[in-house]
């Protein structure tokens, strides 16, 4: 990129690490991690990777220690709600580590409202913000771990915690009853995207965007009668102006399309029903728009 170093902060271990590392590697950044090392240097680009706790990432980016960071929206939102010095901005949704922050109660509880209730959570800032917005008065209890246990030991009436599959709630006889926010991994910077001045940082962000777009896209190739081409093109999900190529048989064409939406078996069956043949769906590794 250029001679000025780019520093990226990612989670050292945990659910975000594997996907963050995969994104960097697919974006052409070669590096290795080992043991308790907190710094990894790319072997082929002028990029340093900081391996840190996820709740340190918004602060490192806000202070300019890291140019970019990968963190969950829930972590960034919680810190922004409780610390005015957190100025980091979301600049790209990454599409992985999706979950939601929700209120949950014991299966046997008849609780319907949060009013005048005790709520145990690791996200007191977001919960208090939600309560103020909804004009509710409740007691918010900050708990750093084992939040699911609190309703059963008399500490809280309900909890507010991250939910992915719901298996942890089910295992602890809890049920979700109110939604606070959705969350996923995001790329953050100290300023908004259009305020970033460094060309090398902008180019790196576009690489990330290309990898993310490719993960959600498929390249479709098929043959069809020329008379069916328009109808078939309309069936291709998220395709922007498919390419139509004449074949040796004048009544036949090949249609190639980059589809930005999933191509399911049902879609392929509809294409075949409308005259498509030799349908080939291929993964896409990189996209640069």
C-alpha atoms as a PDB file:
ATOM      1  CA  UNK A   1       0.000   0.000   0.000  1.00  0.00           C
ATOM      2  CA  UNK A   2       2.192   3.008   0.985  1.00  0.00           C
ATOM      3  CA  UNK A   3       5.116   3.546   3.351  1.00  0.00           C
ATOM      4  CA  UNK A   4       2.925   4.658   6.261  1.00  0.00           C
ATOM      5  CA  UNK A   5       1.934   1.762   8.503  1.00  0.00           C
ATOM      6  CA  UNK A   6      -1.697   0.746   9.010  1.00  0.00           C
ATOM      7  CA  UNK A   7      -2.655  -0.692  12.400  1.00  0.00           C
ATOM      8  CA  UNK A   8      -5.709  -2.925  12.815  1.00  0.00           C
ATOM      9  CA  UNK A   9      -7.074  -4.050  16.193  1.00  0.00           C
ATOM     10  CA  UNK A  10      -8.863  -7.406  16.384  1.00  0.00           C
ATOM     11  CA  UNK A  11     -10.012  -9.670  19.204  1.00  0.00           C
ATOM     12  CA  UNK A  12      -7.177 -11.875  20.512  1.00  0.00           C
ATOM     13  CA  UNK A  13      -9.392 -14.883  21.179  1.00  0.00           C
ATOM     14  CA  UNK A  14     -13.077 -15.682  21.196  1.00  0.00           C
ATOM     15  CA  UNK A  15     -15.880 -15.857  18.670  1.00  0.00           C
ATOM     16  CA  UNK A  16     -14.704 -12.843  16.625  1.00  0.00           C
ATOM     17  CA  UNK A  17     -11.074 -13.887  16.209  1.00  0.00           C
ATOM     18  CA  UNK A  18     -11.403 -16.679  13.617  1.00  0.00           C
ATOM     19  CA  UNK A  19     -13.661 -14.678  11.300  1.00  0.00           C
ATOM     20  CA  UNK A  20     -11.557 -11.524  11.672  1.00  0.00           C
ATOM     21  CA  UNK A  21      -8.376 -13.437  10.839  1.00  0.00           C
ATOM     22  CA  UNK A  22     -10.081 -15.077   7.857  1.00  0.00           C
ATOM     23  CA  UNK A  23     -11.167 -11.660   6.533  1.00  0.00           C
ATOM     24  CA  UNK A  24      -7.636 -10.266   6.783  1.00  0.00           C
ATOM     25  CA  UNK A  25      -6.085 -13.297   5.081  1.00  0.00           C
ATOM     26  CA  UNK A  26      -8.626 -13.249   2.247  1.00  0.00           C
ATOM     27  CA  UNK A  27      -7.865  -9.541   1.802  1.00  0.00           C
ATOM     28  CA  UNK A  28      -4.248 -10.406   1.020  1.00  0.00           C
ATOM     29  CA  UNK A  29      -2.737  -9.670   4.444  1.00  0.00           C
ATOM     30  CA  UNK A  30      -0.352 -12.471   5.408  1.00  0.00           C
ATOM     31  CA  UNK A  31       0.425 -12.852   9.110  1.00  0.00           C
ATOM     32  CA  UNK A  32       0.732 -15.466  11.829  1.00  0.00           C
ATOM     33  CA  UNK A  33      -0.183 -15.427  15.512  1.00  0.00           C
ATOM     34  CA  UNK A  34       1.432 -17.391  18.314  1.00  0.00           C
ATOM     35  CA  UNK A  35       1.090 -17.810  22.055  1.00  0.00           C
ATOM     36  CA  UNK A  36       0.395 -14.674  24.061  1.00  0.00           C
ATOM     37  CA  UNK A  37       1.851 -12.228  21.526  1.00  0.00           C
ATOM     38  CA  UNK A  38      -0.273  -9.082  21.284  1.00  0.00           C
ATOM     39  CA  UNK A  39       1.247  -7.823  18.028  1.00  0.00           C
ATOM     40  CA  UNK A  40       1.467  -9.548  14.651  1.00  0.00           C
ATOM     41  CA  UNK A  41       3.253  -7.958  11.697  1.00  0.00           C
ATOM     42  CA  UNK A  42       2.162  -8.702   8.147  1.00  0.00           C
ATOM     43  CA  UNK A  43       4.874 -10.353   6.080  1.00  0.00           C
ATOM     44  CA  UNK A  44       3.732  -8.863   2.762  1.00  0.00           C
ATOM     45  CA  UNK A  45       2.097  -5.509   3.604  1.00  0.00           C
ATOM     46  CA  UNK A  46       2.913  -2.564   5.841  1.00  0.00           C
ATOM     47  CA  UNK A  47       0.237  -3.553   8.344  1.00  0.00           C
ATOM     48  CA  UNK A  48       0.377  -4.351  12.056  1.00  0.00           C
ATOM     49  CA  UNK A  49      -2.367  -6.350  13.778  1.00  0.00           C
ATOM     50  CA  UNK A  50      -3.037  -5.705  17.461  1.00  0.00           C
ATOM     51  CA  UNK A  51      -4.456  -8.770  19.257  1.00  0.00           C
ATOM     52  CA  UNK A  52      -6.444  -7.401  22.183  1.00  0.00           C
ATOM     53  CA  UNK A  53      -9.587  -7.803  24.297  1.00  0.00           C
ATOM     54  CA  UNK A  54     -12.688  -6.865  22.328  1.00  0.00           C
ATOM     55  CA  UNK A  55     -13.728  -4.189  24.830  1.00  0.00           C
ATOM     56  CA  UNK A  56     -10.364  -2.433  24.314  1.00  0.00           C
ATOM     57  CA  UNK A  57     -10.874  -2.031  20.569  1.00  0.00           C
ATOM     58  CA  UNK A  58     -13.265   0.989  20.530  1.00  0.00           C
ATOM     59  CA  UNK A  59     -10.890   2.877  22.840  1.00  0.00           C
ATOM     60  CA  UNK A  60      -7.777   2.039  20.795  1.00  0.00           C
ATOM     61  CA  UNK A  61      -9.475   3.245  17.611  1.00  0.00           C
ATOM     62  CA  UNK A  62     -10.961   6.347  19.267  1.00  0.00           C
ATOM     63  CA  UNK A  63      -7.501   7.351  20.547  1.00  0.00           C
ATOM     64  CA  UNK A  64      -5.882   6.763  17.151  1.00  0.00           C
ATOM     65  CA  UNK A  65      -3.676   3.930  18.412  1.00  0.00           C
ATOM     66  CA  UNK A  66      -5.309   1.700  15.788  1.00  0.00           C
ATOM     67  CA  UNK A  67      -6.445   2.989  12.390  1.00  0.00           C
ATOM     68  CA  UNK A  68      -9.132   0.333  12.090  1.00  0.00           C
ATOM     69  CA  UNK A  69     -10.773  -2.198  14.385  1.00  0.00           C
ATOM     70  CA  UNK A  70     -13.090  -5.180  14.116  1.00  0.00           C
ATOM     71  CA  UNK A  71     -15.593  -5.434  16.949  1.00  0.00           C
ATOM     72  CA  UNK A  72     -19.197  -6.363  17.696  1.00  0.00           C
ATOM     73  CA  UNK A  73     -21.793  -3.592  17.354  1.00  0.00           C
ATOM     74  CA  UNK A  74     -22.957  -4.436  20.871  1.00  0.00           C
ATOM     75  CA  UNK A  75     -19.502  -3.671  22.337  1.00  0.00           C
ATOM     76  CA  UNK A  76     -19.165  -0.385  20.437  1.00  0.00           C
ATOM     77  CA  UNK A  77     -22.712   0.705  21.340  1.00  0.00           C
ATOM     78  CA  UNK A  78     -22.264  -0.134  25.040  1.00  0.00           C
ATOM     79  CA  UNK A  79     -19.017   1.802  25.290  1.00  0.00           C
ATOM     80  CA  UNK A  80     -20.417   4.773  23.367  1.00  0.00           C
ATOM     81  CA  UNK A  81     -23.381   4.816  25.775  1.00  0.00           C
ATOM     82  CA  UNK A  82     -21.142   4.994  28.849  1.00  0.00           C
ATOM     83  CA  UNK A  83     -17.999   6.833  27.717  1.00  0.00           C
ATOM     84  CA  UNK A  84     -18.038  10.129  25.814  1.00  0.00           C
ATOM     85  CA  UNK A  85     -14.418   9.592  24.755  1.00  0.00           C
ATOM     86  CA  UNK A  86     -15.488   6.715  22.501  1.00  0.00           C
ATOM     87  CA  UNK A  87     -15.816   8.433  19.126  1.00  0.00           C
ATOM     88  CA  UNK A  88     -15.140   5.432  16.835  1.00  0.00           C
ATOM     89  CA  UNK A  89     -17.598   5.065  13.958  1.00  0.00           C
ATOM     90  CA  UNK A  90     -18.947   2.025  12.109  1.00  0.00           C
ATOM     91  CA  UNK A  91     -17.765   2.118   8.514  1.00  0.00           C
ATOM     92  CA  UNK A  92     -18.553  -1.377   7.223  1.00  0.00           C
ATOM     93  CA  UNK A  93     -20.851  -4.197   8.310  1.00  0.00           C
ATOM     94  CA  UNK A  94     -18.930  -7.478   8.053  1.00  0.00           C
ATOM     95  CA  UNK A  95     -21.786  -9.973   8.110  1.00  0.00           C
ATOM     96  CA  UNK A  96     -20.402 -12.414  10.688  1.00  0.00           C
ATOM     97  CA  UNK A  97     -20.856 -12.993  14.450  1.00  0.00           C
ATOM     98  CA  UNK A  98     -24.522 -12.065  14.170  1.00  0.00           C
ATOM     99  CA  UNK A  99     -26.524 -12.061  17.397  1.00  0.00           C
ATOM    100  CA  UNK A 100     -29.030  -9.927  19.284  1.00  0.00           C
ATOM    101  CA  UNK A 101     -29.232  -8.252  22.666  1.00  0.00           C
ATOM    102  CA  UNK A 102     -32.522  -9.179  24.310  1.00  0.00           C
ATOM    103  CA  UNK A 103     -34.330  -9.370  27.630  1.00  0.00           C
ATOM    104  CA  UNK A 104     -35.088 -12.851  28.946  1.00  0.00           C
ATOM    105  CA  UNK A 105     -37.001 -14.240  31.942  1.00  0.00           C
ATOM    106  CA  UNK A 106     -37.511 -17.640  33.608  1.00  0.00           C
ATOM    107  CA  UNK A 107     -39.922 -19.926  31.774  1.00  0.00           C
ATOM    108  CA  UNK A 108     -42.289 -19.871  34.758  1.00  0.00           C
ATOM    109  CA  UNK A 109     -42.262 -16.076  35.125  1.00  0.00           C
ATOM    110  CA  UNK A 110     -45.407 -14.094  34.313  1.00  0.00           C
ATOM    111  CA  UNK A 111     -43.378 -10.899  33.893  1.00  0.00           C
ATOM    112  CA  UNK A 112     -44.527  -8.800  30.920  1.00  0.00           C
ATOM    113  CA  UNK A 113     -43.154  -5.333  31.632  1.00  0.00           C
ATOM    114  CA  UNK A 114     -39.726  -4.124  32.739  1.00  0.00           C
ATOM    115  CA  UNK A 115     -41.265  -1.423  34.916  1.00  0.00           C
ATOM    116  CA  UNK A 116     -39.947  -1.452  38.513  1.00  0.00           C
ATOM    117  CA  UNK A 117     -38.059  -4.681  37.883  1.00  0.00           C
ATOM    118  CA  UNK A 118     -34.446  -5.665  38.599  1.00  0.00           C
ATOM    119  CA  UNK A 119     -32.471  -6.400  35.424  1.00  0.00           C
ATOM    120  CA  UNK A 120     -29.093  -8.144  35.459  1.00  0.00           C
ATOM    121  CA  UNK A 121     -26.859  -7.426  32.474  1.00  0.00           C
ATOM    122  CA  UNK A 122     -23.322  -6.989  31.176  1.00  0.00           C
ATOM    123  CA  UNK A 123     -24.650  -4.037  29.126  1.00  0.00           C
ATOM    124  CA  UNK A 124     -25.879  -1.494  31.704  1.00  0.00           C
ATOM    125  CA  UNK A 125     -25.345   1.485  29.397  1.00  0.00           C
ATOM    126  CA  UNK A 126     -27.564   0.113  26.644  1.00  0.00           C
ATOM    127  CA  UNK A 127     -30.201  -1.128  29.075  1.00  0.00           C
ATOM    128  CA  UNK A 128     -30.408   2.254  30.835  1.00  0.00           C
ATOM    129  CA  UNK A 129     -30.644   4.004  27.470  1.00  0.00           C
ATOM    130  CA  UNK A 130     -33.496   1.668  26.476  1.00  0.00           C
ATOM    131  CA  UNK A 131     -35.320   2.302  29.749  1.00  0.00           C
ATOM    132  CA  UNK A 132     -35.031   6.088  29.408  1.00  0.00           C
ATOM    133  CA  UNK A 133     -36.245   5.936  25.805  1.00  0.00           C
ATOM    134  CA  UNK A 134     -39.290   3.918  26.889  1.00  0.00           C
ATOM    135  CA  UNK A 135     -39.922   5.987  30.046  1.00  0.00           C
ATOM    136  CA  UNK A 136     -39.384   3.032  32.375  1.00  0.00           C
ATOM    137  CA  UNK A 137     -37.913   3.033  35.883  1.00  0.00           C
ATOM    138  CA  UNK A 138     -36.067  -0.140  36.792  1.00  0.00           C
ATOM    139  CA  UNK A 139     -33.039  -1.291  38.769  1.00  0.00           C
ATOM    140  CA  UNK A 140     -30.124  -2.200  36.494  1.00  0.00           C
ATOM    141  CA  UNK A 141     -27.553  -4.551  38.029  1.00  0.00           C
ATOM    142  CA  UNK A 142     -24.211  -4.899  36.254  1.00  0.00           C
ATOM    143  CA  UNK A 143     -23.015  -8.503  36.104  1.00  0.00           C
ATOM    144  CA  UNK A 144     -19.833  -9.503  34.257  1.00  0.00           C
ATOM    145  CA  UNK A 145     -20.545 -13.222  33.949  1.00  0.00           C
ATOM    146  CA  UNK A 146     -23.107 -15.967  34.573  1.00  0.00           C
ATOM    147  CA  UNK A 147     -25.936 -13.502  33.927  1.00  0.00           C
ATOM    148  CA  UNK A 148     -28.347 -16.388  33.259  1.00  0.00           C
ATOM    149  CA  UNK A 149     -28.042 -17.533  36.892  1.00  0.00           C
ATOM    150  CA  UNK A 150     -29.237 -14.288  38.491  1.00  0.00           C
ATOM    151  CA  UNK A 151     -33.041 -14.815  38.310  1.00  0.00           C
ATOM    152  CA  UNK A 152     -32.673 -18.118  40.163  1.00  0.00           C
ATOM    153  CA  UNK A 153     -30.602 -16.806  43.067  1.00  0.00           C
ATOM    154  CA  UNK A 154     -32.828 -13.801  43.786  1.00  0.00           C
ATOM    155  CA  UNK A 155     -30.578 -11.123  42.310  1.00  0.00           C
ATOM    156  CA  UNK A 156     -32.803 -10.104  39.375  1.00  0.00           C
ATOM    157  CA  UNK A 157     -36.270 -10.543  37.910  1.00  0.00           C
ATOM    158  CA  UNK A 158     -34.890 -10.869  34.384  1.00  0.00           C
ATOM    159  CA  UNK A 159     -31.719 -10.465  32.364  1.00  0.00           C
ATOM    160  CA  UNK A 160     -30.518  -8.662  29.255  1.00  0.00           C
ATOM    161  CA  UNK A 161     -27.850 -10.584  27.368  1.00  0.00           C
ATOM    162  CA  UNK A 162     -26.551 -11.555  23.938  1.00  0.00           C
ATOM    163  CA  UNK A 163     -28.429 -14.336  22.171  1.00  0.00           C
ATOM    164  CA  UNK A 164     -27.180 -16.245  19.137  1.00  0.00           C
ATOM    165  CA  UNK A 165     -28.987 -19.564  18.772  1.00  0.00           C
ATOM    166  CA  UNK A 166     -30.924 -19.393  22.030  1.00  0.00           C
ATOM    167  CA  UNK A 167     -29.346 -22.636  23.268  1.00  0.00           C
ATOM    168  CA  UNK A 168     -27.867 -21.003  26.391  1.00  0.00           C
ATOM    169  CA  UNK A 169     -31.266 -19.564  27.353  1.00  0.00           C
ATOM    170  CA  UNK A 170     -32.922 -22.930  26.822  1.00  0.00           C
ATOM    171  CA  UNK A 171     -30.266 -24.689  28.902  1.00  0.00           C
ATOM    172  CA  UNK A 172     -30.975 -22.283  31.775  1.00  0.00           C
ATOM    173  CA  UNK A 173     -34.782 -22.407  31.470  1.00  0.00           C
ATOM    174  CA  UNK A 174     -35.025 -18.813  30.236  1.00  0.00           C
ATOM    175  CA  UNK A 175     -37.173 -17.356  27.466  1.00  0.00           C
ATOM    176  CA  UNK A 176     -36.610 -14.223  25.384  1.00  0.00           C
ATOM    177  CA  UNK A 177     -39.434 -11.697  25.682  1.00  0.00           C
ATOM    178  CA  UNK A 178     -38.129  -8.265  24.575  1.00  0.00           C
ATOM    179  CA  UNK A 179     -35.593  -7.265  21.909  1.00  0.00           C
ATOM    180  CA  UNK A 180     -33.103  -4.420  22.431  1.00  0.00           C
ATOM    181  CA  UNK A 181     -30.782  -4.487  19.384  1.00  0.00           C
ATOM    182  CA  UNK A 182     -29.299  -6.655  16.647  1.00  0.00           C
ATOM    183  CA  UNK A 183     -25.533  -6.973  16.450  1.00  0.00           C
ATOM    184  CA  UNK A 184     -22.841  -8.214  14.100  1.00  0.00           C
ATOM    185  CA  UNK A 185     -19.138  -7.648  13.561  1.00  0.00           C
ATOM    186  CA  UNK A 186     -18.321  -4.220  12.123  1.00  0.00           C
ATOM    187  CA  UNK A 187     -15.225  -2.436  10.902  1.00  0.00           C
ATOM    188  CA  UNK A 188     -14.656   0.786  12.845  1.00  0.00           C
ATOM    189  CA  UNK A 189     -12.483   3.866  12.389  1.00  0.00           C
ATOM    190  CA  UNK A 190     -11.979   7.132  14.259  1.00  0.00           C
ATOM    191  CA  UNK A 191     -13.883   9.052  11.580  1.00  0.00           C
ATOM    192  CA  UNK A 192     -16.700   8.340   9.152  1.00  0.00           C
ATOM    193  CA  UNK A 193     -15.747   6.683   5.875  1.00  0.00           C
ATOM    194  CA  UNK A 194     -16.059   9.858   3.772  1.00  0.00           C
ATOM    195  CA  UNK A 195     -13.749  11.700   6.210  1.00  0.00           C
ATOM    196  CA  UNK A 196     -10.898   9.188   5.915  1.00  0.00           C
ATOM    197  CA  UNK A 197      -8.048  10.908   4.047  1.00  0.00           C
ATOM    198  CA  UNK A 198      -5.430   8.138   3.736  1.00  0.00           C
ATOM    199  CA  UNK A 199      -5.652   6.426   0.361  1.00  0.00           C
ATOM    200  CA  UNK A 200      -4.018   3.244   1.669  1.00  0.00           C
ATOM    201  CA  UNK A 201      -6.656   2.905   4.415  1.00  0.00           C
ATOM    202  CA  UNK A 202      -9.468   3.510   1.902  1.00  0.00           C
ATOM    203  CA  UNK A 203      -8.007   0.880  -0.431  1.00  0.00           C
ATOM    204  CA  UNK A 204      -7.814  -1.621   2.427  1.00  0.00           C
ATOM    205  CA  UNK A 205     -11.450  -0.976   3.354  1.00  0.00           C
ATOM    206  CA  UNK A 206     -12.425  -1.610  -0.274  1.00  0.00           C
ATOM    207  CA  UNK A 207     -10.567  -4.928  -0.122  1.00  0.00           C
ATOM    208  CA  UNK A 208     -12.581  -5.891   2.953  1.00  0.00           C
ATOM    209  CA  UNK A 209     -15.759  -4.841   1.174  1.00  0.00           C
ATOM    210  CA  UNK A 210     -14.814  -6.994  -1.819  1.00  0.00           C
ATOM    211  CA  UNK A 211     -14.296 -10.066   0.361  1.00  0.00           C
ATOM    212  CA  UNK A 212     -17.627  -9.511   2.159  1.00  0.00           C
ATOM    213  CA  UNK A 213     -19.512  -8.977  -1.111  1.00  0.00           C
ATOM    214  CA  UNK A 214     -17.925 -12.083  -2.618  1.00  0.00           C
ATOM    215  CA  UNK A 215     -19.005 -14.220   0.344  1.00  0.00           C
ATOM    216  CA  UNK A 216     -22.623 -13.300  -0.360  1.00  0.00           C
ATOM    217  CA  UNK A 217     -22.402 -13.691  -4.150  1.00  0.00           C
ATOM    218  CA  UNK A 218     -22.481 -16.501  -6.712  1.00  0.00           C
ATOM    219  CA  UNK A 219     -21.486 -16.593 -10.370  1.00  0.00           C
ATOM    220  CA  UNK A 220     -24.133 -18.303 -12.498  1.00  0.00           C
ATOM    221  CA  UNK A 221     -23.593 -19.690 -15.995  1.00  0.00           C
ATOM    222  CA  UNK A 222     -26.298 -21.360 -18.078  1.00  0.00           C
ATOM    223  CA  UNK A 223     -27.514 -21.971 -21.622  1.00  0.00           C
ATOM    224  CA  UNK A 224     -30.986 -21.093 -22.909  1.00  0.00           C
ATOM    225  CA  UNK A 225     -33.058 -20.410 -26.009  1.00  0.00           C
ATOM    226  CA  UNK A 226     -32.655 -16.823 -27.197  1.00  0.00           C
ATOM    227  CA  UNK A 227     -36.432 -16.407 -26.964  1.00  0.00           C
ATOM    228  CA  UNK A 228     -36.314 -17.233 -23.201  1.00  0.00           C
ATOM    229  CA  UNK A 229     -33.339 -15.015 -22.318  1.00  0.00           C
ATOM    230  CA  UNK A 230     -35.272 -12.028 -20.961  1.00  0.00           C
ATOM    231  CA  UNK A 231     -37.516 -14.211 -18.799  1.00  0.00           C
ATOM    232  CA  UNK A 232     -34.549 -16.149 -17.402  1.00  0.00           C
ATOM    233  CA  UNK A 233     -32.553 -12.986 -16.630  1.00  0.00           C
ATOM    234  CA  UNK A 234     -35.434 -11.739 -14.489  1.00  0.00           C
ATOM    235  CA  UNK A 235     -35.278 -14.944 -12.414  1.00  0.00           C
ATOM    236  CA  UNK A 236     -31.598 -14.498 -11.485  1.00  0.00           C
ATOM    237  CA  UNK A 237     -31.508 -13.127  -7.899  1.00  0.00           C
ATOM    238  CA  UNK A 238     -29.757  -9.784  -7.458  1.00  0.00           C
ATOM    239  CA  UNK A 239     -28.181  -9.907 -10.927  1.00  0.00           C
ATOM    240  CA  UNK A 240     -27.122  -6.597 -12.461  1.00  0.00           C
ATOM    241  CA  UNK A 241     -27.358  -6.725 -16.273  1.00  0.00           C
ATOM    242  CA  UNK A 242     -26.373 -10.351 -17.045  1.00  0.00           C
ATOM    243  CA  UNK A 243     -24.027 -11.042 -19.971  1.00  0.00           C
ATOM    244  CA  UNK A 244     -25.675 -12.772 -22.961  1.00  0.00           C
ATOM    245  CA  UNK A 245     -23.289 -14.590 -25.331  1.00  0.00           C
ATOM    246  CA  UNK A 246     -24.311 -16.044 -28.738  1.00  0.00           C
ATOM    247  CA  UNK A 247     -23.593 -19.770 -29.184  1.00  0.00           C
ATOM    248  CA  UNK A 248     -22.808 -21.807 -32.311  1.00  0.00           C
ATOM    249  CA  UNK A 249     -26.462 -22.741 -32.597  1.00  0.00           C
ATOM    250  CA  UNK A 250     -28.029 -19.398 -33.503  1.00  0.00           C
ATOM    251  CA  UNK A 251     -31.201 -19.974 -31.477  1.00  0.00           C
ATOM    252  CA  UNK A 252     -29.136 -20.564 -28.300  1.00  0.00           C
ATOM    253  CA  UNK A 253     -27.292 -18.189 -25.936  1.00  0.00           C
ATOM    254  CA  UNK A 254     -25.123 -18.511 -22.858  1.00  0.00           C
ATOM    255  CA  UNK A 255     -26.082 -16.307 -19.909  1.00  0.00           C
ATOM    256  CA  UNK A 256     -23.509 -15.311 -17.286  1.00  0.00           C
ATOM    257  CA  UNK A 257     -24.511 -13.356 -14.174  1.00  0.00           C
ATOM    258  CA  UNK A 258     -23.007 -12.251 -10.889  1.00  0.00           C
ATOM    259  CA  UNK A 259     -25.792 -12.755  -8.348  1.00  0.00           C
ATOM    260  CA  UNK A 260     -25.542 -10.734  -5.146  1.00  0.00           C
ATOM    261  CA  UNK A 261     -28.141 -12.908  -3.425  1.00  0.00           C
ATOM    262  CA  UNK A 262     -28.128 -16.646  -2.598  1.00  0.00           C
ATOM    263  CA  UNK A 263     -28.994 -19.042  -5.424  1.00  0.00           C
ATOM    264  CA  UNK A 264     -31.132 -21.794  -3.915  1.00  0.00           C
ATOM    265  CA  UNK A 265     -32.212 -25.093  -5.446  1.00  0.00           C
ATOM    266  CA  UNK A 266     -35.681 -23.592  -5.900  1.00  0.00           C
ATOM    267  CA  UNK A 267     -34.186 -20.848  -8.077  1.00  0.00           C
ATOM    268  CA  UNK A 268     -32.301 -23.380 -10.188  1.00  0.00           C
ATOM    269  CA  UNK A 269     -35.477 -25.429 -10.636  1.00  0.00           C
ATOM    270  CA  UNK A 270     -37.370 -22.311 -11.793  1.00  0.00           C
ATOM    271  CA  UNK A 271     -34.585 -21.518 -14.271  1.00  0.00           C
ATOM    272  CA  UNK A 272     -34.707 -25.058 -15.660  1.00  0.00           C
ATOM    273  CA  UNK A 273     -38.514 -24.947 -15.887  1.00  0.00           C
ATOM    274  CA  UNK A 274     -38.228 -21.789 -17.977  1.00  0.00           C
ATOM    275  CA  UNK A 275     -35.809 -23.312 -20.467  1.00  0.00           C
ATOM    276  CA  UNK A 276     -32.363 -23.008 -18.899  1.00  0.00           C
ATOM    277  CA  UNK A 277     -29.903 -25.898 -19.225  1.00  0.00           C
ATOM    278  CA  UNK A 278     -26.324 -26.700 -18.121  1.00  0.00           C
ATOM    279  CA  UNK A 279     -26.819 -24.488 -15.059  1.00  0.00           C
ATOM    280  CA  UNK A 280     -23.570 -23.926 -13.179  1.00  0.00           C
ATOM    281  CA  UNK A 281     -23.384 -22.015  -9.857  1.00  0.00           C
ATOM    282  CA  UNK A 282     -19.896 -21.118  -8.631  1.00  0.00           C
ATOM    283  CA  UNK A 283     -18.524 -19.411  -5.523  1.00  0.00           C
ATOM    284  CA  UNK A 284     -16.843 -16.011  -5.882  1.00  0.00           C
ATOM    285  CA  UNK A 285     -13.572 -15.336  -4.078  1.00  0.00           C
ATOM    286  CA  UNK A 286     -13.165 -11.563  -4.535  1.00  0.00           C
ATOM    287  CA  UNK A 287     -15.163  -8.652  -5.955  1.00  0.00           C
ATOM    288  CA  UNK A 288     -13.810  -5.151  -6.600  1.00  0.00           C
ATOM    289  CA  UNK A 289     -16.500  -2.725  -7.722  1.00  0.00           C
END
